[in-house]
Amino acid sequence: MLTLYSFGPAANSLKPLLALYEKGLEFTPRFVDPTKFEHHEDWFKKLNPRGQVPALDHDGHIITESTVICEYLEDAFPDAPRLRPTNPVEIAEMRVWTKWVDEYFCWCVSTIGWERLIGPMARKLSDEEFEAKIARIPVPEQRTKWRSARAGFPKEVLEEEMRKVGVSVDRLEKRLSESPWLAGENYTLADICNFAIANGMQFGYSDIVNKDVTPNLVAWIERINERPAVKEMFAKSKTEMPPRGE
């Protein structure tokens, strides 16, 4: 049996969630509500001591880290539709893109997201409430990030992260002007992992991601959103996962 604990169909949680739908695997989705800090509850930290989602439970074996979960699904279910090439060169190309999104693209977009979304949420808490929440976070770096978000990231940090977002957008646009998918002619985990971060940038970063400036990137985002598995994932997530805050 498969159970996926996640924040729902966005960011890193979207990666294994979409992989499961693309591969047509039966699983139980478990929504972990970040607004209630459920990922820092003791019951969840028993699953993942780092208190982070996503986490996959496969017959009692807990697999963590979003891209690792995607690769695990390829290894554990080789007869399901493949999301990883068979050619070693193409596998390497796919992994260049999944490594890049994990080490570069995700982080700059994440910092801007923390400034825009997490900061206001953290500032709604009293000092006492905030410190109580922070005390339950097992990863020191995450505690620091929460404090930075609550205080507001320095202007120079946000400017540097926006520069990196621009670099990321340019790299994606250039690659997608050369081939329909990031790793070549076929849709792979490279696309899923980068789509998880890029989806919605045409709205949140419309000044640098739009049909005039980045036509290939926007077309790629739209093309993935039209895939049956993606439509099913978003549609079912509305009913299988309770709205945040409820």
C-alpha atoms as a PDB file:
ATOM      1  CA  MET A   1       0.000   0.000   0.000  1.00  0.00           C
ATOM      2  CA  LEU A   2       1.072   3.545  -0.788  1.00  0.00           C
ATOM      3  CA  THR A   3       0.279   6.614   1.285  1.00  0.00           C
ATOM      4  CA  LEU A   4       1.598  10.037   0.344  1.00  0.00           C
ATOM      5  CA  TYR A   5       1.767  12.745   2.996  1.00  0.00           C
ATOM      6  CA  SER A   6       1.957  16.161   1.354  1.00  0.00           C
ATOM      7  CA  PHE A   7       0.878  19.790   1.347  1.00  0.00           C
ATOM      8  CA  GLY A   8      -1.125  19.117  -1.819  1.00  0.00           C
ATOM      9  CA  PRO A   9      -0.519  19.828  -5.515  1.00  0.00           C
ATOM     10  CA  ALA A  10       2.080  22.600  -5.307  1.00  0.00           C
ATOM     11  CA  ALA A  11       5.853  23.011  -5.031  1.00  0.00           C
ATOM     12  CA  ASN A  12       7.826  19.991  -3.800  1.00  0.00           C
ATOM     13  CA  SER A  13       4.689  18.118  -2.736  1.00  0.00           C
ATOM     14  CA  LEU A  14       3.457  18.218  -6.326  1.00  0.00           C
ATOM     15  CA  LYS A  15       6.415  16.187  -7.632  1.00  0.00           C
ATOM     16  CA  PRO A  16       5.559  12.738  -6.189  1.00  0.00           C
ATOM     17  CA  LEU A  17       1.838  13.509  -6.242  1.00  0.00           C
ATOM     18  CA  LEU A  18       1.912  14.022 -10.002  1.00  0.00           C
ATOM     19  CA  ALA A  19       4.298  11.094 -10.514  1.00  0.00           C
ATOM     20  CA  LEU A  20       1.776   8.809  -8.800  1.00  0.00           C
ATOM     21  CA  TYR A  21      -1.023  10.009 -11.075  1.00  0.00           C
ATOM     22  CA  GLU A  22       1.116   9.815 -14.218  1.00  0.00           C
ATOM     23  CA  LYS A  23       2.108   6.248 -13.363  1.00  0.00           C
ATOM     24  CA  GLY A  24      -1.502   5.329 -12.597  1.00  0.00           C
ATOM     25  CA  LEU A  25      -0.664   3.961  -9.148  1.00  0.00           C
ATOM     26  CA  GLU A  26      -3.300   3.556  -6.459  1.00  0.00           C
ATOM     27  CA  PHE A  27      -2.442   5.426  -3.287  1.00  0.00           C
ATOM     28  CA  THR A  28      -3.966   7.169  -0.311  1.00  0.00           C
ATOM     29  CA  PRO A  29      -3.363  10.932  -0.248  1.00  0.00           C
ATOM     30  CA  ARG A  30      -2.884  12.392   3.228  1.00  0.00           C
ATOM     31  CA  PHE A  31      -3.051  16.172   3.399  1.00  0.00           C
ATOM     32  CA  VAL A  32      -0.785  17.732   6.024  1.00  0.00           C
ATOM     33  CA  ASP A  33      -1.989  21.248   6.822  1.00  0.00           C
ATOM     34  CA  PRO A  34       0.937  23.708   6.982  1.00  0.00           C
ATOM     35  CA  THR A  35      -1.266  26.477   8.386  1.00  0.00           C
ATOM     36  CA  LYS A  36      -1.793  24.271  11.451  1.00  0.00           C
ATOM     37  CA  PHE A  37       1.892  23.260  11.499  1.00  0.00           C
ATOM     38  CA  GLU A  38       0.821  19.611  11.297  1.00  0.00           C
ATOM     39  CA  HIS A  39       4.192  18.614   9.803  1.00  0.00           C
ATOM     40  CA  HIS A  40       5.724  19.526  13.164  1.00  0.00           C
ATOM     41  CA  GLU A  41       3.300  17.420  15.188  1.00  0.00           C
ATOM     42  CA  ASP A  42       4.761  14.405  16.982  1.00  0.00           C
ATOM     43  CA  TRP A  43       2.651  11.961  14.937  1.00  0.00           C
ATOM     44  CA  PHE A  44       4.200  13.229  11.712  1.00  0.00           C
ATOM     45  CA  LYS A  45       7.734  13.488  13.061  1.00  0.00           C
ATOM     46  CA  LYS A  46       7.508   9.782  13.833  1.00  0.00           C
ATOM     47  CA  LEU A  47       7.208   9.304  10.064  1.00  0.00           C
ATOM     48  CA  ASN A  48       9.816  11.869   9.126  1.00  0.00           C
ATOM     49  CA  PRO A  49      11.957  13.137  12.035  1.00  0.00           C
ATOM     50  CA  ARG A  50      12.855  16.206   9.967  1.00  0.00           C
ATOM     51  CA  GLY A  51       9.219  17.295  10.006  1.00  0.00           C
ATOM     52  CA  GLN A  52       9.079  17.883   6.265  1.00  0.00           C
ATOM     53  CA  VAL A  53       6.773  16.826   3.465  1.00  0.00           C
ATOM     54  CA  PRO A  54       6.397  15.027   1.174  1.00  0.00           C
ATOM     55  CA  ALA A  55       6.804  11.606   2.714  1.00  0.00           C
ATOM     56  CA  LEU A  56       5.803   8.323   1.107  1.00  0.00           C
ATOM     57  CA  ASP A  57       4.768   5.283   3.148  1.00  0.00           C
ATOM     58  CA  HIS A  58       5.158   2.110   1.073  1.00  0.00           C
ATOM     59  CA  ASP A  59       4.138  -0.893   3.113  1.00  0.00           C
ATOM     60  CA  GLY A  60       5.642   0.649   6.231  1.00  0.00           C
ATOM     61  CA  HIS A  61       8.827   1.876   4.563  1.00  0.00           C
ATOM     62  CA  ILE A  62       9.083   5.678   4.714  1.00  0.00           C
ATOM     63  CA  ILE A  63      10.704   7.416   1.751  1.00  0.00           C
ATOM     64  CA  THR A  64      11.424  11.151   1.990  1.00  0.00           C
ATOM     65  CA  GLU A  65      12.735  13.948  -0.266  1.00  0.00           C
ATOM     66  CA  SER A  66      10.502  14.779  -3.225  1.00  0.00           C
ATOM     67  CA  THR A  67      12.804  13.870  -6.106  1.00  0.00           C
ATOM     68  CA  VAL A  68      14.033  10.736  -4.322  1.00  0.00           C
ATOM     69  CA  ILE A  69      10.405   9.631  -3.942  1.00  0.00           C
ATOM     70  CA  CYS A  70       9.870  10.096  -7.682  1.00  0.00           C
ATOM     71  CA  GLU A  71      12.935   7.995  -8.491  1.00  0.00           C
ATOM     72  CA  TYR A  72      11.843   5.396  -5.927  1.00  0.00           C
ATOM     73  CA  LEU A  73       8.495   5.029  -7.680  1.00  0.00           C
ATOM     74  CA  GLU A  74      10.355   4.326 -10.925  1.00  0.00           C
ATOM     75  CA  ASP A  75      12.386   1.590  -9.243  1.00  0.00           C
ATOM     76  CA  ALA A  76       9.560   0.091  -7.202  1.00  0.00           C
ATOM     77  CA  PHE A  77       7.003   0.042 -10.032  1.00  0.00           C
ATOM     78  CA  PRO A  78       8.924  -0.637 -13.243  1.00  0.00           C
ATOM     79  CA  ASP A  79       5.830  -1.992 -15.021  1.00  0.00           C
ATOM     80  CA  ALA A  80       3.866   1.251 -14.565  1.00  0.00           C
ATOM     81  CA  PRO A  81       4.216   3.944 -17.265  1.00  0.00           C
ATOM     82  CA  ARG A  82       7.803   5.141 -17.251  1.00  0.00           C
ATOM     83  CA  LEU A  83       8.805   8.667 -16.313  1.00  0.00           C
ATOM     84  CA  ARG A  84      12.516   7.960 -16.571  1.00  0.00           C
ATOM     85  CA  PRO A  85      14.249   7.234 -19.897  1.00  0.00           C
ATOM     86  CA  THR A  86      15.971   3.922 -20.574  1.00  0.00           C
ATOM     87  CA  ASN A  87      18.930   5.406 -22.434  1.00  0.00           C
ATOM     88  CA  PRO A  88      21.791   6.212 -20.006  1.00  0.00           C
ATOM     89  CA  VAL A  89      22.557   9.515 -21.734  1.00  0.00           C
ATOM     90  CA  GLU A  90      18.922  10.600 -21.490  1.00  0.00           C
ATOM     91  CA  ILE A  91      18.765   9.475 -17.846  1.00  0.00           C
ATOM     92  CA  ALA A  92      21.800  11.651 -17.127  1.00  0.00           C
ATOM     93  CA  GLU A  93      20.182  14.613 -18.887  1.00  0.00           C
ATOM     94  CA  MET A  94      17.010  14.106 -16.857  1.00  0.00           C
ATOM     95  CA  ARG A  95      18.999  14.031 -13.630  1.00  0.00           C
ATOM     96  CA  VAL A  96      20.874  17.209 -14.535  1.00  0.00           C
ATOM     97  CA  TRP A  97      17.498  18.955 -14.568  1.00  0.00           C
ATOM     98  CA  THR A  98      16.168  17.345 -11.395  1.00  0.00           C
ATOM     99  CA  LYS A  99      19.432  18.168  -9.604  1.00  0.00           C
ATOM    100  CA  TRP A 100      19.284  21.758 -10.840  1.00  0.00           C
ATOM    101  CA  VAL A 101      15.714  22.327  -9.691  1.00  0.00           C
ATOM    102  CA  ASP A 102      16.522  20.890  -6.250  1.00  0.00           C
ATOM    103  CA  GLU A 103      19.732  22.857  -5.758  1.00  0.00           C
ATOM    104  CA  TYR A 104      19.032  26.163  -7.519  1.00  0.00           C
ATOM    105  CA  PHE A 105      15.623  26.867  -9.075  1.00  0.00           C
ATOM    106  CA  CYS A 106      13.532  25.693  -6.130  1.00  0.00           C
ATOM    107  CA  TRP A 107      15.483  27.697  -3.566  1.00  0.00           C
ATOM    108  CA  CYS A 108      15.244  31.131  -5.149  1.00  0.00           C
ATOM    109  CA  VAL A 109      11.530  30.735  -5.877  1.00  0.00           C
ATOM    110  CA  SER A 110      11.050  29.374  -2.352  1.00  0.00           C
ATOM    111  CA  THR A 111      12.608  32.424  -0.694  1.00  0.00           C
ATOM    112  CA  ILE A 112      10.292  34.754  -2.603  1.00  0.00           C
ATOM    113  CA  GLY A 113       7.364  32.526  -1.648  1.00  0.00           C
ATOM    114  CA  TRP A 114       8.361  32.627   2.008  1.00  0.00           C
ATOM    115  CA  GLU A 115       8.519  36.414   1.857  1.00  0.00           C
ATOM    116  CA  ARG A 116       5.117  36.715   0.166  1.00  0.00           C
ATOM    117  CA  LEU A 117       3.184  33.958   1.949  1.00  0.00           C
ATOM    118  CA  ILE A 118       4.906  32.625   5.067  1.00  0.00           C
ATOM    119  CA  GLY A 119       6.000  35.998   6.436  1.00  0.00           C
ATOM    120  CA  PRO A 120       2.467  37.408   6.745  1.00  0.00           C
ATOM    121  CA  MET A 121       1.259  34.145   8.307  1.00  0.00           C
ATOM    122  CA  ALA A 122       4.099  34.175  10.859  1.00  0.00           C
ATOM    123  CA  ARG A 123       3.477  37.820  11.745  1.00  0.00           C
ATOM    124  CA  LYS A 124      -0.132  37.042  12.666  1.00  0.00           C
ATOM    125  CA  LEU A 125       1.137  34.980  15.599  1.00  0.00           C
ATOM    126  CA  SER A 126       1.919  36.533  18.938  1.00  0.00           C
ATOM    127  CA  ASP A 127       5.523  36.300  20.138  1.00  0.00           C
ATOM    128  CA  GLU A 128       4.524  33.526  22.514  1.00  0.00           C
ATOM    129  CA  GLU A 129       2.654  31.569  19.834  1.00  0.00           C
ATOM    130  CA  PHE A 130       5.482  31.981  17.366  1.00  0.00           C
ATOM    131  CA  GLU A 131       8.143  30.776  19.791  1.00  0.00           C
ATOM    132  CA  ALA A 132       6.007  27.750  20.673  1.00  0.00           C
ATOM    133  CA  LYS A 133       5.733  26.859  16.973  1.00  0.00           C
ATOM    134  CA  ILE A 134       9.449  27.390  16.373  1.00  0.00           C
ATOM    135  CA  ALA A 135      10.374  25.131  19.289  1.00  0.00           C
ATOM    136  CA  ARG A 136       8.719  22.186  17.532  1.00  0.00           C
ATOM    137  CA  ILE A 137      10.694  22.556  14.292  1.00  0.00           C
ATOM    138  CA  PRO A 138      13.411  19.866  14.273  1.00  0.00           C
ATOM    139  CA  VAL A 139      15.666  21.369  11.565  1.00  0.00           C
ATOM    140  CA  PRO A 140      17.732  24.376  12.778  1.00  0.00           C
ATOM    141  CA  GLU A 141      17.910  25.916   9.299  1.00  0.00           C
ATOM    142  CA  GLN A 142      14.119  25.877   9.087  1.00  0.00           C
ATOM    143  CA  ARG A 143      13.836  27.682  12.417  1.00  0.00           C
ATOM    144  CA  THR A 144      16.168  30.372  11.071  1.00  0.00           C
ATOM    145  CA  LYS A 145      14.129  30.663   7.888  1.00  0.00           C
ATOM    146  CA  TRP A 146      10.919  31.114   9.862  1.00  0.00           C
ATOM    147  CA  ARG A 147      12.511  33.901  11.879  1.00  0.00           C
ATOM    148  CA  SER A 148      13.782  35.576   8.710  1.00  0.00           C
ATOM    149  CA  ALA A 149      10.354  35.355   7.097  1.00  0.00           C
ATOM    150  CA  ARG A 150       8.657  36.830  10.162  1.00  0.00           C
ATOM    151  CA  ALA A 151      11.102  39.720  10.292  1.00  0.00           C
ATOM    152  CA  GLY A 152      11.089  40.154   6.518  1.00  0.00           C
ATOM    153  CA  PHE A 153      14.020  39.114   4.359  1.00  0.00           C
ATOM    154  CA  PRO A 154      16.589  41.886   3.758  1.00  0.00           C
ATOM    155  CA  LYS A 155      16.144  43.827   0.527  1.00  0.00           C
ATOM    156  CA  GLU A 156      19.509  42.674  -0.834  1.00  0.00           C
ATOM    157  CA  VAL A 157      18.587  39.015  -0.230  1.00  0.00           C
ATOM    158  CA  LEU A 158      15.298  39.385  -2.104  1.00  0.00           C
ATOM    159  CA  GLU A 159      17.023  41.184  -4.968  1.00  0.00           C
ATOM    160  CA  GLU A 160      19.595  38.398  -5.289  1.00  0.00           C
ATOM    161  CA  GLU A 161      16.913  35.712  -5.203  1.00  0.00           C
ATOM    162  CA  MET A 162      14.920  37.541  -7.884  1.00  0.00           C
ATOM    163  CA  ARG A 163      18.074  37.678 -10.003  1.00  0.00           C
ATOM    164  CA  LYS A 164      18.354  33.894  -9.644  1.00  0.00           C
ATOM    165  CA  VAL A 165      14.692  33.493 -10.566  1.00  0.00           C
ATOM    166  CA  GLY A 166      15.458  35.425 -13.755  1.00  0.00           C
ATOM    167  CA  VAL A 167      18.446  33.184 -14.481  1.00  0.00           C
ATOM    168  CA  SER A 168      16.222  30.139 -13.971  1.00  0.00           C
ATOM    169  CA  VAL A 169      13.511  31.445 -16.263  1.00  0.00           C
ATOM    170  CA  ASP A 170      16.064  32.207 -18.988  1.00  0.00           C
ATOM    171  CA  ARG A 171      17.552  28.729 -18.725  1.00  0.00           C
ATOM    172  CA  LEU A 172      14.160  27.033 -18.997  1.00  0.00           C
ATOM    173  CA  GLU A 173      13.114  29.210 -21.928  1.00  0.00           C
ATOM    174  CA  LYS A 174      16.338  28.504 -23.823  1.00  0.00           C
ATOM    175  CA  ARG A 175      16.086  24.750 -23.301  1.00  0.00           C
ATOM    176  CA  LEU A 176      12.415  24.623 -24.271  1.00  0.00           C
ATOM    177  CA  SER A 177      13.178  26.524 -27.466  1.00  0.00           C
ATOM    178  CA  GLU A 178      15.359  23.542 -28.437  1.00  0.00           C
ATOM    179  CA  SER A 179      13.084  20.606 -27.556  1.00  0.00           C
ATOM    180  CA  PRO A 180       9.491  20.033 -26.388  1.00  0.00           C
ATOM    181  CA  TRP A 181      10.587  18.573 -23.050  1.00  0.00           C
ATOM    182  CA  LEU A 182      13.514  19.329 -20.762  1.00  0.00           C
ATOM    183  CA  ALA A 183      15.343  16.035 -21.222  1.00  0.00           C
ATOM    184  CA  GLY A 184      14.634  15.780 -24.951  1.00  0.00           C
ATOM    185  CA  GLU A 185      11.748  14.391 -26.943  1.00  0.00           C
ATOM    186  CA  ASN A 186       9.969  12.664 -24.065  1.00  0.00           C
ATOM    187  CA  TYR A 187       8.138  13.857 -20.957  1.00  0.00           C
ATOM    188  CA  THR A 188      10.071  12.740 -17.873  1.00  0.00           C
ATOM    189  CA  LEU A 189      10.659  13.444 -14.207  1.00  0.00           C
ATOM    190  CA  ALA A 190      12.725  16.419 -15.368  1.00  0.00           C
ATOM    191  CA  ASP A 191       9.497  18.059 -16.521  1.00  0.00           C
ATOM    192  CA  ILE A 192       7.475  17.022 -13.476  1.00  0.00           C
ATOM    193  CA  CYS A 193      10.045  18.311 -10.984  1.00  0.00           C
ATOM    194  CA  ASN A 194      10.515  21.645 -12.740  1.00  0.00           C
ATOM    195  CA  PHE A 195       6.789  22.069 -13.436  1.00  0.00           C
ATOM    196  CA  ALA A 196       6.203  21.729  -9.694  1.00  0.00           C
ATOM    197  CA  ILE A 197       8.105  24.989  -9.216  1.00  0.00           C
ATOM    198  CA  ALA A 198       7.331  26.774 -12.498  1.00  0.00           C
ATOM    199  CA  ASN A 199       3.572  26.217 -12.627  1.00  0.00           C
ATOM    200  CA  GLY A 200       1.821  29.493 -11.865  1.00  0.00           C
ATOM    201  CA  MET A 201       4.857  31.682 -12.536  1.00  0.00           C
ATOM    202  CA  GLN A 202       2.949  33.198 -15.459  1.00  0.00           C
ATOM    203  CA  PHE A 203       0.742  34.738 -12.781  1.00  0.00           C
ATOM    204  CA  GLY A 204       3.078  35.289  -9.820  1.00  0.00           C
ATOM    205  CA  TYR A 205       5.988  36.477 -11.986  1.00  0.00           C
ATOM    206  CA  SER A 206       4.050  37.766 -14.993  1.00  0.00           C
ATOM    207  CA  ASP A 207       6.621  40.474 -15.722  1.00  0.00           C
ATOM    208  CA  ILE A 208       9.253  37.868 -16.636  1.00  0.00           C
ATOM    209  CA  VAL A 209       7.097  34.829 -17.502  1.00  0.00           C
ATOM    210  CA  ASN A 210       4.567  35.608 -20.218  1.00  0.00           C
ATOM    211  CA  LYS A 211       3.765  34.701 -23.820  1.00  0.00           C
ATOM    212  CA  ASP A 212       5.715  37.642 -25.210  1.00  0.00           C
ATOM    213  CA  VAL A 213       8.962  37.184 -23.256  1.00  0.00           C
ATOM    214  CA  THR A 214       8.980  33.417 -22.616  1.00  0.00           C
ATOM    215  CA  PRO A 215       6.636  31.819 -25.181  1.00  0.00           C
ATOM    216  CA  ASN A 216       8.243  28.386 -24.969  1.00  0.00           C
ATOM    217  CA  LEU A 217       8.142  28.246 -21.175  1.00  0.00           C
ATOM    218  CA  VAL A 218       4.488  29.317 -21.058  1.00  0.00           C
ATOM    219  CA  ALA A 219       3.584  26.801 -23.782  1.00  0.00           C
ATOM    220  CA  TRP A 220       5.337  24.048 -21.806  1.00  0.00           C
ATOM    221  CA  ILE A 221       3.451  24.972 -18.613  1.00  0.00           C
ATOM    222  CA  GLU A 222       0.155  24.972 -20.529  1.00  0.00           C
ATOM    223  CA  ARG A 223       1.014  21.686 -22.285  1.00  0.00           C
ATOM    224  CA  ILE A 224       1.648  19.939 -18.974  1.00  0.00           C
ATOM    225  CA  ASN A 225      -1.537  21.361 -17.460  1.00  0.00           C
ATOM    226  CA  GLU A 226      -3.474  19.782 -20.336  1.00  0.00           C
ATOM    227  CA  ARG A 227      -2.190  16.286 -19.590  1.00  0.00           C
ATOM    228  CA  PRO A 228      -4.960  13.957 -18.337  1.00  0.00           C
ATOM    229  CA  ALA A 229      -2.986  12.968 -15.238  1.00  0.00           C
ATOM    230  CA  VAL A 230      -2.433  16.607 -14.296  1.00  0.00           C
ATOM    231  CA  LYS A 231      -6.097  17.456 -14.704  1.00  0.00           C
ATOM    232  CA  GLU A 232      -7.042  14.397 -12.638  1.00  0.00           C
ATOM    233  CA  MET A 233      -4.538  15.314  -9.924  1.00  0.00           C
ATOM    234  CA  PHE A 234      -5.849  18.854  -9.518  1.00  0.00           C
ATOM    235  CA  ALA A 235      -9.496  17.774  -9.722  1.00  0.00           C
ATOM    236  CA  LYS A 236      -9.179  14.959  -7.185  1.00  0.00           C
ATOM    237  CA  SER A 237      -7.035  16.994  -4.833  1.00  0.00           C
ATOM    238  CA  LYS A 238     -10.005  19.333  -4.329  1.00  0.00           C
ATOM    239  CA  THR A 239     -12.105  16.484  -2.942  1.00  0.00           C
ATOM    240  CA  GLU A 240      -9.573  14.069  -1.441  1.00  0.00           C
ATOM    241  CA  MET A 241      -7.648  16.730   0.455  1.00  0.00           C
ATOM    242  CA  PRO A 242      -9.585  19.054   2.766  1.00  0.00           C
ATOM    243  CA  PRO A 243      -9.118  22.793   2.220  1.00  0.00           C
ATOM    244  CA  ARG A 244      -6.338  24.310   4.287  1.00  0.00           C
ATOM    245  CA  GLY A 245      -7.530  25.715   7.572  1.00  0.00           C
ATOM    246  CA  GLU A 246     -10.447  23.296   7.983  1.00  0.00           C
END
